[in-house]
Amino acid sequence: MAKLPVPLTFDWDPGNVEKNWQKHKVHFKEAEEVFFNKLLIILEDIKHSQKENRFIALGITNENRNLYIVFTIRNKKIRIISARNQSKSERRLNVNKEA
């Protein structure tokens, strides 16, 4: 399980900022909101952790948009790699956690 840095700070690759907007219409500030809101679920992304530890965050933005975020932690900062809408099955994980 990822231990999130305190305080929560973010480091963005400019290419990922643009890619997430163009491909998924997720603004980088909206992706950051997930880490400050309730119902945050963090899972290890074992499949993609060969070079560095990667994690998956399932959470909700301030506008109640359910996002699936892939991130790593570098130099005590959260580095978001990808952000997109959650699938139906991923949203069920949030509902089950709330119950």
PDB file of N, CA and C in Angstrom:
ATOM      1  N   MET A   1       0.852  -1.186   0.000  1.00  0.00           N
ATOM      2  CA  MET A   1       0.000   0.000   0.000  1.00  0.00           C
ATOM      3  C   MET A   1       0.890   1.239   0.000  1.00  0.00           C
ATOM      4  N   ALA A   2       0.497   2.209  -0.756  1.00  0.00           N
ATOM      5  CA  ALA A   2       1.258   3.449  -0.855  1.00  0.00           C
ATOM      6  C   ALA A   2       1.051   4.293   0.392  1.00  0.00           C
ATOM      7  N   LYS A   3       2.127   4.794   0.930  1.00  0.00           N
ATOM      8  CA  LYS A   3       2.032   5.780   1.996  1.00  0.00           C
ATOM      9  C   LYS A   3       2.162   7.134   1.322  1.00  0.00           C
ATOM     10  N   LEU A   4       1.050   7.873   1.319  1.00  0.00           N
ATOM     11  CA  LEU A   4       1.044   9.156   0.630  1.00  0.00           C
ATOM     12  C   LEU A   4       1.897  10.168   1.365  1.00  0.00           C
ATOM     13  N   PRO A   5       2.623  10.987   0.625  1.00  0.00           N
ATOM     14  CA  PRO A   5       3.476  11.992   1.269  1.00  0.00           C
ATOM     15  C   PRO A   5       2.649  13.061   1.989  1.00  0.00           C
ATOM     16  N   VAL A   6       3.220  13.582   3.061  1.00  0.00           N
ATOM     17  CA  VAL A   6       2.579  14.665   3.804  1.00  0.00           C
ATOM     18  C   VAL A   6       3.580  15.811   3.854  1.00  0.00           C
ATOM     19  N   PRO A   7       3.188  16.994   3.402  1.00  0.00           N
ATOM     20  CA  PRO A   7       1.894  17.346   2.806  1.00  0.00           C
ATOM     21  C   PRO A   7       1.786  16.769   1.402  1.00  0.00           C
ATOM     22  N   LEU A   8       0.537  16.657   0.925  1.00  0.00           N
ATOM     23  CA  LEU A   8       0.301  16.152  -0.423  1.00  0.00           C
ATOM     24  C   LEU A   8       0.774  17.196  -1.429  1.00  0.00           C
ATOM     25  N   THR A   9       1.758  16.818  -2.205  1.00  0.00           N
ATOM     26  CA  THR A   9       2.241  17.689  -3.272  1.00  0.00           C
ATOM     27  C   THR A   9       2.334  16.851  -4.540  1.00  0.00           C
ATOM     28  N   PHE A  10       2.299  17.532  -5.677  1.00  0.00           N
ATOM     29  CA  PHE A  10       2.238  16.841  -6.952  1.00  0.00           C
ATOM     30  C   PHE A  10       3.350  17.319  -7.870  1.00  0.00           C
ATOM     31  N   ASP A  11       3.788  16.398  -8.719  1.00  0.00           N
ATOM     32  CA  ASP A  11       4.801  16.678  -9.730  1.00  0.00           C
ATOM     33  C   ASP A  11       4.249  16.138 -11.042  1.00  0.00           C
ATOM     34  N   TRP A  12       4.087  17.009 -12.017  1.00  0.00           N
ATOM     35  CA  TRP A  12       3.481  16.628 -13.287  1.00  0.00           C
ATOM     36  C   TRP A  12       4.484  16.688 -14.426  1.00  0.00           C
ATOM     37  N   ASP A  13       4.455  15.682 -15.262  1.00  0.00           N
ATOM     38  CA  ASP A  13       5.163  15.714 -16.530  1.00  0.00           C
ATOM     39  C   ASP A  13       4.259  16.479 -17.500  1.00  0.00           C
ATOM     40  N   PRO A  14       4.757  17.534 -18.139  1.00  0.00           N
ATOM     41  CA  PRO A  14       3.904  18.324 -19.045  1.00  0.00           C
ATOM     42  C   PRO A  14       3.216  17.480 -20.118  1.00  0.00           C
ATOM     43  N   GLY A  15       3.887  16.449 -20.607  1.00  0.00           N
ATOM     44  CA  GLY A  15       3.284  15.571 -21.610  1.00  0.00           C
ATOM     45  C   GLY A  15       2.076  14.825 -21.070  1.00  0.00           C
ATOM     46  N   ASN A  16       2.136  14.405 -19.794  1.00  0.00           N
ATOM     47  CA  ASN A  16       0.999  13.705 -19.188  1.00  0.00           C
ATOM     48  C   ASN A  16      -0.167  14.647 -18.944  1.00  0.00           C
ATOM     49  N   VAL A  17       0.110  15.889 -18.620  1.00  0.00           N
ATOM     50  CA  VAL A  17      -0.962  16.876 -18.437  1.00  0.00           C
ATOM     51  C   VAL A  17      -1.761  16.978 -19.729  1.00  0.00           C
ATOM     52  N   GLU A  18      -1.058  17.152 -20.836  1.00  0.00           N
ATOM     53  CA  GLU A  18      -1.704  17.297 -22.137  1.00  0.00           C
ATOM     54  C   GLU A  18      -2.391  16.001 -22.571  1.00  0.00           C
ATOM     55  N   LYS A  19      -1.711  14.872 -22.372  1.00  0.00           N
ATOM     56  CA  LYS A  19      -2.265  13.575 -22.777  1.00  0.00           C
ATOM     57  C   LYS A  19      -3.579  13.277 -22.053  1.00  0.00           C
ATOM     58  N   ASN A  20      -3.610  13.514 -20.735  1.00  0.00           N
ATOM     59  CA  ASN A  20      -4.824  13.228 -19.971  1.00  0.00           C
ATOM     60  C   ASN A  20      -5.972  14.143 -20.383  1.00  0.00           C
ATOM     61  N   TRP A  21      -5.661  15.367 -20.753  1.00  0.00           N
ATOM     62  CA  TRP A  21      -6.709  16.271 -21.210  1.00  0.00           C
ATOM     63  C   TRP A  21      -7.214  15.850 -22.595  1.00  0.00           C
ATOM     64  N   GLN A  22      -6.295  15.617 -23.522  1.00  0.00           N
ATOM     65  CA  GLN A  22      -6.687  15.273 -24.887  1.00  0.00           C
ATOM     66  C   GLN A  22      -7.432  13.939 -24.958  1.00  0.00           C
ATOM     67  N   LYS A  23      -6.947  12.943 -24.250  1.00  0.00           N
ATOM     68  CA  LYS A  23      -7.504  11.598 -24.358  1.00  0.00           C
ATOM     69  C   LYS A  23      -8.735  11.385 -23.484  1.00  0.00           C
ATOM     70  N   HIS A  24      -8.738  11.947 -22.266  1.00  0.00           N
ATOM     71  CA  HIS A  24      -9.801  11.640 -21.294  1.00  0.00           C
ATOM     72  C   HIS A  24     -10.555  12.854 -20.777  1.00  0.00           C
ATOM     73  N   LYS A  25     -10.147  14.065 -21.212  1.00  0.00           N
ATOM     74  CA  LYS A  25     -10.765  15.316 -20.745  1.00  0.00           C
ATOM     75  C   LYS A  25     -10.705  15.441 -19.218  1.00  0.00           C
ATOM     76  N   VAL A  26      -9.548  15.059 -18.651  1.00  0.00           N
ATOM     77  CA  VAL A  26      -9.306  15.214 -17.215  1.00  0.00           C
ATOM     78  C   VAL A  26      -8.240  16.293 -17.044  1.00  0.00           C
ATOM     79  N   HIS A  27      -8.620  17.406 -16.409  1.00  0.00           N
ATOM     80  CA  HIS A  27      -7.685  18.486 -16.105  1.00  0.00           C
ATOM     81  C   HIS A  27      -6.809  18.054 -14.937  1.00  0.00           C
ATOM     82  N   PHE A  28      -5.551  18.444 -14.946  1.00  0.00           N
ATOM     83  CA  PHE A  28      -4.635  17.978 -13.901  1.00  0.00           C
ATOM     84  C   PHE A  28      -5.075  18.393 -12.496  1.00  0.00           C
ATOM     85  N   LYS A  29      -5.676  19.561 -12.339  1.00  0.00           N
ATOM     86  CA  LYS A  29      -6.140  19.979 -11.008  1.00  0.00           C
ATOM     87  C   LYS A  29      -7.314  19.122 -10.549  1.00  0.00           C
ATOM     88  N   GLU A  30      -8.163  18.712 -11.487  1.00  0.00           N
ATOM     89  CA  GLU A  30      -9.280  17.837 -11.152  1.00  0.00           C
ATOM     90  C   GLU A  30      -8.758  16.475 -10.676  1.00  0.00           C
ATOM     91  N   ALA A  31      -7.727  15.963 -11.311  1.00  0.00           N
ATOM     92  CA  ALA A  31      -7.135  14.687 -10.893  1.00  0.00           C
ATOM     93  C   ALA A  31      -6.560  14.788  -9.480  1.00  0.00           C
ATOM     94  N   GLU A  32      -5.957  15.908  -9.141  1.00  0.00           N
ATOM     95  CA  GLU A  32      -5.387  16.093  -7.805  1.00  0.00           C
ATOM     96  C   GLU A  32      -6.465  16.078  -6.716  1.00  0.00           C
ATOM     97  N   GLU A  33      -7.671  16.558  -7.027  1.00  0.00           N
ATOM     98  CA  GLU A  33      -8.759  16.619  -6.037  1.00  0.00           C
ATOM     99  C   GLU A  33      -9.064  15.260  -5.424  1.00  0.00           C
ATOM    100  N   VAL A  34      -8.914  14.208  -6.206  1.00  0.00           N
ATOM    101  CA  VAL A  34      -9.232  12.857  -5.751  1.00  0.00           C
ATOM    102  C   VAL A  34      -8.488  12.518  -4.457  1.00  0.00           C
ATOM    103  N   PHE A  35      -7.254  12.979  -4.337  1.00  0.00           N
ATOM    104  CA  PHE A  35      -6.423  12.628  -3.189  1.00  0.00           C
ATOM    105  C   PHE A  35      -6.840  13.348  -1.902  1.00  0.00           C
ATOM    106  N   PHE A  36      -7.685  14.353  -2.008  1.00  0.00           N
ATOM    107  CA  PHE A  36      -8.128  15.115  -0.840  1.00  0.00           C
ATOM    108  C   PHE A  36      -9.554  14.770  -0.413  1.00  0.00           C
ATOM    109  N   ASN A  37     -10.267  13.962  -1.194  1.00  0.00           N
ATOM    110  CA  ASN A  37     -11.670  13.657  -0.918  1.00  0.00           C
ATOM    111  C   ASN A  37     -11.853  12.281  -0.309  1.00  0.00           C
ATOM    112  N   LYS A  38     -12.996  12.090   0.319  1.00  0.00           N
ATOM    113  CA  LYS A  38     -13.325  10.807   0.947  1.00  0.00           C
ATOM    114  C   LYS A  38     -13.497   9.726  -0.110  1.00  0.00           C
ATOM    115  N   LEU A  39     -13.554   8.508   0.351  1.00  0.00           N
ATOM    116  CA  LEU A  39     -13.730   7.319  -0.486  1.00  0.00           C
ATOM    117  C   LEU A  39     -12.551   7.078  -1.423  1.00  0.00           C
ATOM    118  N   LEU A  40     -11.386   7.503  -1.021  1.00  0.00           N
ATOM    119  CA  LEU A  40     -10.185   7.243  -1.806  1.00  0.00           C
ATOM    120  C   LEU A  40      -9.735   5.809  -1.549  1.00  0.00           C
ATOM    121  N   ILE A  41      -9.625   5.055  -2.625  1.00  0.00           N
ATOM    122  CA  ILE A  41      -9.129   3.680  -2.555  1.00  0.00           C
ATOM    123  C   ILE A  41      -7.798   3.651  -3.291  1.00  0.00           C
ATOM    124  N   ILE A  42      -6.765   3.113  -2.646  1.00  0.00           N
ATOM    125  CA  ILE A  42      -5.452   3.014  -3.290  1.00  0.00           C
ATOM    126  C   ILE A  42      -5.063   1.542  -3.341  1.00  0.00           C
ATOM    127  N   LEU A  43      -4.702   1.113  -4.538  1.00  0.00           N
ATOM    128  CA  LEU A  43      -4.303  -0.272  -4.779  1.00  0.00           C
ATOM    129  C   LEU A  43      -2.912  -0.286  -5.401  1.00  0.00           C
ATOM    130  N   GLU A  44      -2.182  -1.372  -5.183  1.00  0.00           N
ATOM    131  CA  GLU A  44      -0.891  -1.527  -5.838  1.00  0.00           C
ATOM    132  C   GLU A  44      -1.125  -1.940  -7.287  1.00  0.00           C
ATOM    133  N   ASP A  45      -0.358  -1.371  -8.194  1.00  0.00           N
ATOM    134  CA  ASP A  45      -0.416  -1.748  -9.607  1.00  0.00           C
ATOM    135  C   ASP A  45       0.785  -2.652  -9.885  1.00  0.00           C
ATOM    136  N   ILE A  46       0.668  -3.890  -9.453  1.00  0.00           N
ATOM    137  CA  ILE A  46       1.782  -4.838  -9.539  1.00  0.00           C
ATOM    138  C   ILE A  46       2.196  -5.075 -10.995  1.00  0.00           C
ATOM    139  N   LYS A  47       1.218  -5.139 -11.876  1.00  0.00           N
ATOM    140  CA  LYS A  47       1.487  -5.433 -13.284  1.00  0.00           C
ATOM    141  C   LYS A  47       2.419  -4.407 -13.930  1.00  0.00           C
ATOM    142  N   HIS A  48       2.340  -3.149 -13.488  1.00  0.00           N
ATOM    143  CA  HIS A  48       3.131  -2.077 -14.105  1.00  0.00           C
ATOM    144  C   HIS A  48       4.212  -1.525 -13.173  1.00  0.00           C
ATOM    145  N   SER A  49       4.652  -2.320 -12.221  1.00  0.00           N
ATOM    146  CA  SER A  49       5.621  -1.835 -11.232  1.00  0.00           C
ATOM    147  C   SER A  49       7.014  -2.425 -11.421  1.00  0.00           C
ATOM    148  N   GLN A  50       7.400  -2.766 -12.634  1.00  0.00           N
ATOM    149  CA  GLN A  50       8.719  -3.357 -12.841  1.00  0.00           C
ATOM    150  C   GLN A  50       9.844  -2.358 -12.595  1.00  0.00           C
ATOM    151  N   LYS A  51       9.707  -1.133 -13.110  1.00  0.00           N
ATOM    152  CA  LYS A  51      10.774  -0.132 -12.972  1.00  0.00           C
ATOM    153  C   LYS A  51      10.634   0.715 -11.716  1.00  0.00           C
ATOM    154  N   GLU A  52       9.407   0.956 -11.284  1.00  0.00           N
ATOM    155  CA  GLU A  52       9.140   1.726 -10.067  1.00  0.00           C
ATOM    156  C   GLU A  52       7.769   1.304  -9.543  1.00  0.00           C
ATOM    157  N   ASN A  53       7.531   1.512  -8.263  1.00  0.00           N
ATOM    158  CA  ASN A  53       6.234   1.154  -7.688  1.00  0.00           C
ATOM    159  C   ASN A  53       5.157   2.078  -8.231  1.00  0.00           C
ATOM    160  N   ARG A  54       4.132   1.464  -8.788  1.00  0.00           N
ATOM    161  CA  ARG A  54       2.985   2.228  -9.284  1.00  0.00           C
ATOM    162  C   ARG A  54       1.750   1.833  -8.505  1.00  0.00           C
ATOM    163  N   PHE A  55       0.829   2.784  -8.425  1.00  0.00           N
ATOM    164  CA  PHE A  55      -0.387   2.593  -7.657  1.00  0.00           C
ATOM    165  C   PHE A  55      -1.591   3.071  -8.455  1.00  0.00           C
ATOM    166  N   ILE A  56      -2.755   2.583  -8.052  1.00  0.00           N
ATOM    167  CA  ILE A  56      -4.021   2.996  -8.647  1.00  0.00           C
ATOM    168  C   ILE A  56      -4.835   3.667  -7.562  1.00  0.00           C
ATOM    169  N   ALA A  57      -5.372   4.826  -7.871  1.00  0.00           N
ATOM    170  CA  ALA A  57      -6.268   5.537  -6.946  1.00  0.00           C
ATOM    171  C   ALA A  57      -7.652   5.576  -7.587  1.00  0.00           C
ATOM    172  N   LEU A  58      -8.646   5.149  -6.838  1.00  0.00           N
ATOM    173  CA  LEU A  58     -10.038   5.270  -7.251  1.00  0.00           C
ATOM    174  C   LEU A  58     -10.662   6.284  -6.318  1.00  0.00           C
ATOM    175  N   GLY A  59     -11.186   7.360  -6.890  1.00  0.00           N
ATOM    176  CA  GLY A  59     -11.734   8.393  -6.030  1.00  0.00           C
ATOM    177  C   GLY A  59     -12.671   9.321  -6.767  1.00  0.00           C
ATOM    178  N   ILE A  60     -13.099  10.345  -6.041  1.00  0.00           N
ATOM    179  CA  ILE A  60     -14.129  11.261  -6.521  1.00  0.00           C
ATOM    180  C   ILE A  60     -13.588  12.691  -6.493  1.00  0.00           C
ATOM    181  N   THR A  61     -13.888  13.443  -7.546  1.00  0.00           N
ATOM    182  CA  THR A  61     -13.484  14.849  -7.610  1.00  0.00           C
ATOM    183  C   THR A  61     -14.491  15.705  -6.833  1.00  0.00           C
ATOM    184  N   ASN A  62     -14.208  16.987  -6.750  1.00  0.00           N
ATOM    185  CA  ASN A  62     -15.125  17.907  -6.061  1.00  0.00           C
ATOM    186  C   ASN A  62     -16.484  17.992  -6.752  1.00  0.00           C
ATOM    187  N   GLU A  63     -16.521  17.661  -8.043  1.00  0.00           N
ATOM    188  CA  GLU A  63     -17.781  17.680  -8.810  1.00  0.00           C
ATOM    189  C   GLU A  63     -18.384  16.280  -8.923  1.00  0.00           C
ATOM    190  N   ASN A  64     -17.943  15.352  -8.064  1.00  0.00           N
ATOM    191  CA  ASN A  64     -18.443  13.971  -8.012  1.00  0.00           C
ATOM    192  C   ASN A  64     -18.161  13.162  -9.270  1.00  0.00           C
ATOM    193  N   ARG A  65     -17.087  13.455  -9.940  1.00  0.00           N
ATOM    194  CA  ARG A  65     -16.646  12.652 -11.069  1.00  0.00           C
ATOM    195  C   ARG A  65     -15.761  11.533 -10.533  1.00  0.00           C
ATOM    196  N   ASN A  66     -16.057  10.299 -10.901  1.00  0.00           N
ATOM    197  CA  ASN A  66     -15.298   9.139 -10.443  1.00  0.00           C
ATOM    198  C   ASN A  66     -14.098   8.926 -11.357  1.00  0.00           C
ATOM    199  N   LEU A  67     -12.890   9.044 -10.793  1.00  0.00           N
ATOM    200  CA  LEU A  67     -11.680   8.903 -11.597  1.00  0.00           C
ATOM    201  C   LEU A  67     -10.854   7.695 -11.186  1.00  0.00           C
ATOM    202  N   TYR A  68     -10.167   7.137 -12.174  1.00  0.00           N
ATOM    203  CA  TYR A  68      -9.198   6.058 -12.023  1.00  0.00           C
ATOM    204  C   TYR A  68      -7.851   6.691 -12.343  1.00  0.00           C
ATOM    205  N   ILE A  69      -6.961   6.691 -11.373  1.00  0.00           N
ATOM    206  CA  ILE A  69      -5.687   7.391 -11.535  1.00  0.00           C
ATOM    207  C   ILE A  69      -4.531   6.422 -11.304  1.00  0.00           C
ATOM    208  N   VAL A  70      -3.581   6.421 -12.214  1.00  0.00           N
ATOM    209  CA  VAL A  70      -2.344   5.666 -12.042  1.00  0.00           C
ATOM    210  C   VAL A  70      -1.279   6.676 -11.633  1.00  0.00           C
ATOM    211  N   PHE A  71      -0.551   6.352 -10.569  1.00  0.00           N
ATOM    212  CA  PHE A  71       0.466   7.289 -10.081  1.00  0.00           C
ATOM    213  C   PHE A  71       1.631   6.555  -9.458  1.00  0.00           C
ATOM    214  N   THR A  72       2.699   7.290  -9.258  1.00  0.00           N
ATOM    215  CA  THR A  72       3.859   6.815  -8.527  1.00  0.00           C
ATOM    216  C   THR A  72       4.233   7.906  -7.526  1.00  0.00           C
ATOM    217  N   ILE A  73       5.158   7.607  -6.662  1.00  0.00           N
ATOM    218  CA  ILE A  73       5.648   8.619  -5.716  1.00  0.00           C
ATOM    219  C   ILE A  73       7.135   8.794  -5.986  1.00  0.00           C
ATOM    220  N   ARG A  74       7.494  10.029  -6.355  1.00  0.00           N
ATOM    221  CA  ARG A  74       8.897  10.366  -6.631  1.00  0.00           C
ATOM    222  C   ARG A  74       9.281  11.592  -5.824  1.00  0.00           C
ATOM    223  N   ASN A  75      10.387  11.491  -5.132  1.00  0.00           N
ATOM    224  CA  ASN A  75      10.904  12.623  -4.347  1.00  0.00           C
ATOM    225  C   ASN A  75       9.825  13.199  -3.430  1.00  0.00           C
ATOM    226  N   LYS A  76       9.078  12.317  -2.766  1.00  0.00           N
ATOM    227  CA  LYS A  76       8.025  12.690  -1.804  1.00  0.00           C
ATOM    228  C   LYS A  76       6.902  13.504  -2.446  1.00  0.00           C
ATOM    229  N   LYS A  77       6.692  13.285  -3.751  1.00  0.00           N
ATOM    230  CA  LYS A  77       5.598  13.941  -4.460  1.00  0.00           C
ATOM    231  C   LYS A  77       4.823  12.901  -5.247  1.00  0.00           C
ATOM    232  N   ILE A  78       3.516  13.126  -5.364  1.00  0.00           N
ATOM    233  CA  ILE A  78       2.674  12.254  -6.172  1.00  0.00           C
ATOM    234  C   ILE A  78       2.851  12.663  -7.626  1.00  0.00           C
ATOM    235  N   ARG A  79       3.197  11.696  -8.449  1.00  0.00           N
ATOM    236  CA  ARG A  79       3.362  11.953  -9.887  1.00  0.00           C
ATOM    237  C   ARG A  79       2.291  11.147 -10.617  1.00  0.00           C
ATOM    238  N   ILE A  80       1.278  11.847 -11.106  1.00  0.00           N
ATOM    239  CA  ILE A  80       0.175  11.196 -11.793  1.00  0.00           C
ATOM    240  C   ILE A  80       0.597  10.887 -13.224  1.00  0.00           C
ATOM    241  N   ILE A  81       0.410   9.628 -13.586  1.00  0.00           N
ATOM    242  CA  ILE A  81       0.788   9.152 -14.910  1.00  0.00           C
ATOM    243  C   ILE A  81      -0.413   9.188 -15.848  1.00  0.00           C
ATOM    244  N   SER A  82      -1.559   8.752 -15.338  1.00  0.00           N
ATOM    245  CA  SER A  82      -2.760   8.680 -16.162  1.00  0.00           C
ATOM    246  C   SER A  82      -3.989   8.917 -15.292  1.00  0.00           C
ATOM    247  N   ALA A  83      -4.993   9.564 -15.874  1.00  0.00           N
ATOM    248  CA  ALA A  83      -6.259   9.802 -15.174  1.00  0.00           C
ATOM    249  C   ALA A  83      -7.393   9.684 -16.186  1.00  0.00           C
ATOM    250  N   ARG A  84      -8.410   8.910 -15.816  1.00  0.00           N
ATOM    251  CA  ARG A  84      -9.557   8.698 -16.705  1.00  0.00           C
ATOM    252  C   ARG A  84     -10.790   8.438 -15.857  1.00  0.00           C
ATOM    253  N   ASN A  85     -11.967   8.410 -16.505  1.00  0.00           N
ATOM    254  CA  ASN A  85     -13.191   8.039 -15.807  1.00  0.00           C
ATOM    255  C   ASN A  85     -13.114   6.581 -15.384  1.00  0.00           C
ATOM    256  N   GLN A  86     -13.733   6.269 -14.252  1.00  0.00           N
ATOM    257  CA  GLN A  86     -13.801   4.886 -13.810  1.00  0.00           C
ATOM    258  C   GLN A  86     -14.792   4.106 -14.664  1.00  0.00           C
ATOM    259  N   SER A  87     -14.507   2.825 -14.829  1.00  0.00           N
ATOM    260  CA  SER A  87     -15.453   1.934 -15.492  1.00  0.00           C
ATOM    261  C   SER A  87     -16.577   1.606 -14.506  1.00  0.00           C
ATOM    262  N   LYS A  88     -17.617   0.966 -15.004  1.00  0.00           N
ATOM    263  CA  LYS A  88     -18.753   0.584 -14.158  1.00  0.00           C
ATOM    264  C   LYS A  88     -18.291  -0.325 -13.013  1.00  0.00           C
ATOM    265  N   SER A  89     -17.450  -1.300 -13.315  1.00  0.00           N
ATOM    266  CA  SER A  89     -16.988  -2.213 -12.260  1.00  0.00           C
ATOM    267  C   SER A  89     -16.091  -1.492 -11.256  1.00  0.00           C
ATOM    268  N   GLU A  90     -15.318  -0.525 -11.702  1.00  0.00           N
ATOM    269  CA  GLU A  90     -14.476   0.251 -10.779  1.00  0.00           C
ATOM    270  C   GLU A  90     -15.339   1.123  -9.873  1.00  0.00           C
ATOM    271  N   ARG A  91     -16.418   1.673 -10.400  1.00  0.00           N
ATOM    272  CA  ARG A  91     -17.334   2.476  -9.572  1.00  0.00           C
ATOM    273  C   ARG A  91     -17.978   1.617  -8.489  1.00  0.00           C
ATOM    274  N   ARG A  92     -18.224   0.358  -8.785  1.00  0.00           N
ATOM    275  CA  ARG A  92     -18.808  -0.538  -7.773  1.00  0.00           C
ATOM    276  C   ARG A  92     -17.884  -0.695  -6.569  1.00  0.00           C
ATOM    277  N   LEU A  93     -16.585  -0.648  -6.797  1.00  0.00           N
ATOM    278  CA  LEU A  93     -15.635  -0.734  -5.676  1.00  0.00           C
ATOM    279  C   LEU A  93     -15.851   0.425  -4.702  1.00  0.00           C
ATOM    280  N   ASN A  94     -16.096   1.627  -5.223  1.00  0.00           N
ATOM    281  CA  ASN A  94     -16.365   2.788  -4.374  1.00  0.00           C
ATOM    282  C   ASN A  94     -17.650   2.608  -3.590  1.00  0.00           C
ATOM    283  N   VAL A  95     -18.694   2.087  -4.242  1.00  0.00           N
ATOM    284  CA  VAL A  95     -19.985   1.882  -3.577  1.00  0.00           C
ATOM    285  C   VAL A  95     -19.837   0.871  -2.454  1.00  0.00           C
ATOM    286  N   ASN A  96     -19.113  -0.213  -2.726  1.00  0.00           N
ATOM    287  CA  ASN A  96     -18.912  -1.239  -1.703  1.00  0.00           C
ATOM    288  C   ASN A  96     -18.097  -0.709  -0.531  1.00  0.00           C
ATOM    289  N   LYS A  97     -17.157   0.148  -0.790  1.00  0.00           N
ATOM    290  CA  LYS A  97     -16.333   0.733   0.286  1.00  0.00           C
ATOM    291  C   LYS A  97     -17.191   1.656   1.162  1.00  0.00           C
ATOM    292  N   GLU A  98     -18.143   2.336   0.545  1.00  0.00           N
ATOM    293  CA  GLU A  98     -19.003   3.280   1.275  1.00  0.00           C
ATOM    294  C   GLU A  98     -19.952   2.551   2.208  1.00  0.00           C
ATOM    295  N   ALA A  99     -20.383   1.356   1.835  1.00  0.00           N
ATOM    296  CA  ALA A  99     -21.390   0.604   2.618  1.00  0.00           C
ATOM    297  C   ALA A  99     -20.845   0.126   3.941  1.00  0.00           C
TER     298      ALA A  99
END
